[in-house]
Amino acid sequence: MSAVHPFAPLSPIEARVLGVLVEKRHTVPDTYPLTLNSLLAGCNQKTSRDPVMDLSDADVHAALDALRARSMVIESSGGRAMRYEENARRVLGVPSESVALLATLMLRGPQTAAELRANCERIHRFSDLSATEAYLEELAARAPQPYVVRLARQPGSRENRWAHLLCGEPDEPQASAGSPAAAGQPTGTAQPGGGSAFEALVSRVERLEAELAALRARLGDG
């Protein structure tokens, strides 16, 4: 069996281009592979994208050249324009279900498993949440280099989000192995006098009080 070599990080623009090519293969099959103009429009969509980008032809061309050099994009001639398609499944060495998850993470940023299952639906429909989580765990455990990571739970959130690692380590902190957040379990009782759990609880109560005050004000105005 041949050795699996570490994956060199993509740039954010390369990740956006690759994600769009994966997405459009399934959502617009009649016009796939994509022309440069169609690809650019997909990269600069204002919906279903996080972050929203404003790329130029030159930006996308440079990303395509880099991806083609790594065999992640295939160029072909069609009519008067060149067309482009992704080759992620073969290069990354993962099943199509995993490619769908990675593409959705590249296009929409960190998400919970439930959000990923819903947002992946047009690329791949997962039978249930446990199936989504199983593929995520497989990507996170991949050797010698994982493709996704479970992030530390945000204050007030009940679920961990996942992020892809195709552009390198995420800016947000990761969940420590064996911790309640990493295991997807509720954290313990908050201890007064410090600790992120207690601070999160205080912040949540303050937010709820503000919302209640605003609601009372609206009802009083009526």
Protein backbone atom coordinates (compact mmCIF):
# COMPACT_ATOMS: atom_id res chain seq x y z
CA MET A 1 0.00 0.00 0.00
CA SER A 2 1.38 3.42 -0.93
CA ALA A 3 2.07 5.91 1.83
CA VAL A 4 -0.39 8.74 2.47
CA HIS A 5 1.44 12.04 2.38
CA PRO A 6 0.45 15.08 4.47
CA PHE A 7 -1.88 17.50 2.73
CA ALA A 8 -0.37 20.92 1.96
CA PRO A 9 -2.81 23.66 3.04
CA LEU A 10 -4.99 25.45 0.51
CA SER A 11 -5.44 29.20 0.45
CA PRO A 12 -8.92 30.47 1.38
CA ILE A 13 -9.58 31.34 -2.27
CA GLU A 14 -8.48 27.89 -3.45
CA ALA A 15 -10.80 26.34 -0.86
CA ARG A 16 -13.69 28.52 -2.07
CA VAL A 17 -13.08 27.53 -5.71
CA LEU A 18 -12.85 23.84 -4.84
CA GLY A 19 -15.96 23.99 -2.68
CA VAL A 20 -17.97 25.68 -5.43
CA LEU A 21 -16.89 23.09 -8.00
CA VAL A 22 -18.00 20.27 -5.69
CA GLU A 23 -21.31 21.97 -4.95
CA LYS A 24 -22.18 22.86 -8.55
CA ARG A 25 -21.43 19.32 -9.78
CA HIS A 26 -24.57 18.28 -7.90
CA THR A 27 -26.74 21.39 -8.07
CA VAL A 28 -26.31 22.35 -11.75
CA PRO A 29 -25.29 19.10 -13.48
CA ASP A 30 -26.63 20.27 -16.86
CA THR A 31 -24.08 23.09 -17.06
CA TYR A 32 -21.18 21.25 -15.43
CA PRO A 33 -18.15 21.47 -15.81
CA LEU A 34 -18.25 25.20 -15.11
CA THR A 35 -16.99 28.08 -17.20
CA LEU A 36 -14.85 30.70 -15.48
CA ASN A 37 -17.79 33.12 -15.36
CA SER A 38 -20.07 30.56 -13.72
CA LEU A 39 -17.37 29.61 -11.25
CA LEU A 40 -16.72 33.26 -10.37
CA ALA A 41 -20.44 33.82 -9.77
CA GLY A 42 -20.55 30.79 -7.48
CA CYS A 43 -17.53 32.01 -5.51
CA ASN A 44 -19.05 35.47 -5.02
CA GLN A 45 -22.56 34.32 -4.03
CA LYS A 46 -24.06 36.39 -1.24
CA THR A 47 -26.06 33.44 0.12
CA SER A 48 -24.82 30.11 1.51
CA ARG A 49 -21.29 31.52 1.82
CA ASP A 50 -19.25 32.36 4.91
CA PRO A 51 -17.32 34.50 4.49
CA VAL A 52 -18.83 36.33 1.53
CA MET A 53 -16.05 37.05 -0.97
CA ASP A 54 -15.61 39.54 -3.81
CA LEU A 55 -13.11 37.76 -6.07
CA SER A 56 -11.86 38.85 -9.48
CA ASP A 57 -11.22 36.80 -12.61
CA ALA A 58 -7.51 36.95 -11.77
CA ASP A 59 -8.13 35.61 -8.24
CA VAL A 60 -10.05 32.62 -9.54
CA HIS A 61 -7.58 31.99 -12.37
CA ALA A 62 -4.68 31.89 -9.90
CA ALA A 63 -6.58 29.49 -7.63
CA LEU A 64 -7.44 27.24 -10.58
CA ASP A 65 -3.80 27.12 -11.65
CA ALA A 66 -2.74 26.11 -8.13
CA LEU A 67 -5.46 23.46 -7.88
CA ARG A 68 -4.68 22.08 -11.32
CA ALA A 69 -1.02 21.71 -10.31
CA ARG A 70 -2.21 19.47 -7.50
CA SER A 71 -4.65 17.55 -9.76
CA MET A 72 -7.59 18.79 -7.70
CA VAL A 73 -9.13 20.53 -10.72
CA ILE A 74 -9.40 19.23 -14.28
CA GLU A 75 -9.58 21.67 -17.21
CA SER A 76 -11.36 20.83 -20.44
CA SER A 77 -12.42 22.69 -23.56
CA GLY A 78 -16.11 23.13 -24.22
CA GLY A 79 -17.42 25.36 -27.00
CA ARG A 80 -15.69 28.73 -26.89
CA ALA A 81 -14.76 28.63 -23.19
CA MET A 82 -12.60 26.46 -20.99
CA ARG A 83 -14.48 24.47 -18.38
CA TYR A 84 -13.43 23.24 -14.95
CA GLU A 85 -14.39 20.33 -12.71
CA GLU A 86 -13.19 19.12 -9.33
CA ASN A 87 -11.22 15.95 -8.61
CA ALA A 88 -11.34 16.17 -4.81
CA ARG A 89 -12.51 12.66 -4.03
CA ARG A 90 -9.59 11.03 -5.79
CA VAL A 91 -6.90 13.43 -4.54
CA LEU A 92 -8.10 13.55 -0.94
CA GLY A 93 -8.69 9.80 -0.84
CA VAL A 94 -12.08 10.00 0.90
CA PRO A 95 -15.61 8.87 -0.07
CA SER A 96 -18.12 11.19 -1.72
CA GLU A 97 -19.98 11.64 1.59
CA SER A 98 -16.84 13.09 3.14
CA VAL A 99 -16.24 15.35 0.13
CA ALA A 100 -19.77 16.74 0.61
CA LEU A 101 -19.01 17.58 4.23
CA LEU A 102 -15.67 19.18 3.40
CA ALA A 103 -17.18 21.25 0.59
CA THR A 104 -19.96 22.51 2.86
CA LEU A 105 -17.42 23.47 5.52
CA MET A 106 -15.30 25.27 2.91
CA LEU A 107 -18.32 27.20 1.66
CA ARG A 108 -20.13 27.99 4.91
CA GLY A 109 -17.51 27.92 7.66
CA PRO A 110 -17.71 26.02 10.97
CA GLN A 111 -21.02 24.26 11.62
CA THR A 112 -22.56 21.74 13.98
CA ALA A 113 -23.22 18.21 12.75
CA ALA A 114 -26.94 19.00 12.52
CA GLU A 115 -26.27 22.13 10.46
CA LEU A 116 -23.93 20.19 8.20
CA ARG A 117 -26.51 17.49 7.60
CA ALA A 118 -29.08 20.12 6.57
CA ASN A 119 -26.69 22.22 4.48
CA CYS A 120 -25.20 19.18 2.70
CA GLU A 121 -28.55 17.96 1.46
CA ARG A 122 -28.22 19.18 -2.12
CA ILE A 123 -24.79 17.56 -2.41
CA HIS A 124 -25.44 14.41 -0.39
CA ARG A 125 -28.43 13.42 1.73
CA PHE A 126 -27.34 11.78 4.98
CA SER A 127 -29.83 9.27 6.38
CA ASP A 128 -29.60 10.63 9.93
CA LEU A 129 -27.46 12.68 12.27
CA SER A 130 -25.45 9.68 13.46
CA ALA A 131 -24.33 9.00 9.88
CA THR A 132 -23.17 12.60 9.53
CA GLU A 133 -21.26 12.38 12.81
CA ALA A 134 -19.67 9.07 11.81
CA TYR A 135 -18.16 10.58 8.65
CA LEU A 136 -16.96 13.61 10.61
CA GLU A 137 -15.28 11.41 13.19
CA GLU A 138 -13.63 9.44 10.40
CA LEU A 139 -12.27 12.64 8.84
CA ALA A 140 -11.05 13.83 12.25
CA ALA A 141 -9.24 10.55 12.91
CA ARG A 142 -7.61 10.33 9.49
CA ALA A 143 -3.86 9.58 9.55
CA PRO A 144 -1.32 11.00 9.13
CA GLN A 145 -3.32 14.22 8.98
CA PRO A 146 -6.99 14.87 9.86
CA TYR A 147 -9.18 16.84 7.50
CA VAL A 148 -11.63 18.22 10.12
CA VAL A 149 -11.54 19.17 13.78
CA ARG A 150 -14.17 19.54 16.48
CA LEU A 151 -14.07 23.08 17.89
CA ALA A 152 -14.50 24.05 21.52
CA ARG A 153 -18.13 24.75 22.34
CA GLN A 154 -19.09 28.42 22.19
CA PRO A 155 -20.58 30.09 25.29
CA GLY A 156 -24.28 29.32 25.51
CA SER A 157 -24.12 26.68 22.77
CA ARG A 158 -25.28 23.11 23.32
CA GLU A 159 -23.38 21.59 20.40
CA ASN A 160 -19.82 21.63 19.15
CA ARG A 161 -19.10 22.96 15.69
CA TRP A 162 -16.75 21.36 13.19
CA ALA A 163 -14.18 23.07 10.95
CA HIS A 164 -12.17 21.79 8.00
CA LEU A 165 -8.37 21.72 8.12
CA LEU A 166 -7.71 22.00 4.37
CA CYS A 167 -6.45 25.56 4.90
CA GLY A 168 -4.49 24.66 8.02
CA GLU A 169 -5.40 25.09 11.67
CA PRO A 170 -8.55 27.16 12.35
CA ASP A 171 -8.34 30.42 14.29
CA GLU A 172 -10.84 29.18 16.87
CA PRO A 173 -9.72 26.92 19.78
CA GLN A 174 -10.19 23.19 19.40
CA ALA A 175 -11.97 20.94 21.86
CA SER A 176 -9.51 19.00 24.02
CA ALA A 177 -9.68 15.23 23.64
CA GLY A 178 -11.58 13.69 26.53
CA SER A 179 -13.16 16.97 27.62
CA PRO A 180 -16.95 17.29 27.90
CA ALA A 181 -16.93 19.61 24.88
CA ALA A 182 -14.92 17.16 22.80
CA ALA A 183 -17.25 14.33 23.74
CA GLY A 184 -20.27 16.42 22.85
CA GLN A 185 -21.60 16.21 26.42
CA PRO A 186 -23.00 19.03 28.57
CA THR A 187 -20.47 20.75 30.77
CA GLY A 188 -20.62 20.36 34.52
CA THR A 189 -22.19 22.72 37.03
CA ALA A 190 -20.77 26.21 36.80
CA GLN A 191 -18.65 27.32 39.74
CA PRO A 192 -19.04 30.91 40.94
CA GLY A 193 -15.98 33.11 41.00
CA GLY A 194 -14.60 32.26 37.57
CA GLY A 195 -14.55 29.79 34.74
CA SER A 196 -15.91 30.06 31.22
CA ALA A 197 -19.05 28.04 32.05
CA PHE A 198 -20.09 30.49 34.77
CA GLU A 199 -19.29 33.48 32.56
CA ALA A 200 -21.35 31.98 29.75
CA LEU A 201 -24.29 31.49 32.12
CA VAL A 202 -24.07 35.11 33.33
CA SER A 203 -23.91 36.35 29.74
CA ARG A 204 -26.92 34.28 28.76
CA VAL A 205 -28.99 35.54 31.73
CA GLU A 206 -28.07 39.14 30.90
CA ARG A 207 -29.10 38.63 27.28
CA LEU A 208 -32.43 37.09 28.28
CA GLU A 209 -33.10 39.94 30.70
CA ALA A 210 -32.42 42.48 27.95
CA GLU A 211 -34.76 40.66 25.56
CA LEU A 212 -37.47 40.53 28.24
CA ALA A 213 -37.08 44.26 28.92
CA ALA A 214 -37.36 45.03 25.21
CA LEU A 215 -40.49 42.86 24.92
CA ARG A 216 -42.09 44.60 27.88
CA ALA A 217 -41.30 47.97 26.34
CA ARG A 218 -42.97 46.99 23.06
CA LEU A 219 -46.05 45.71 24.86
CA GLY A 220 -46.22 48.92 26.89
CA ASP A 221 -46.01 51.01 23.69
CA GLY A 222 -48.92 49.02 22.25
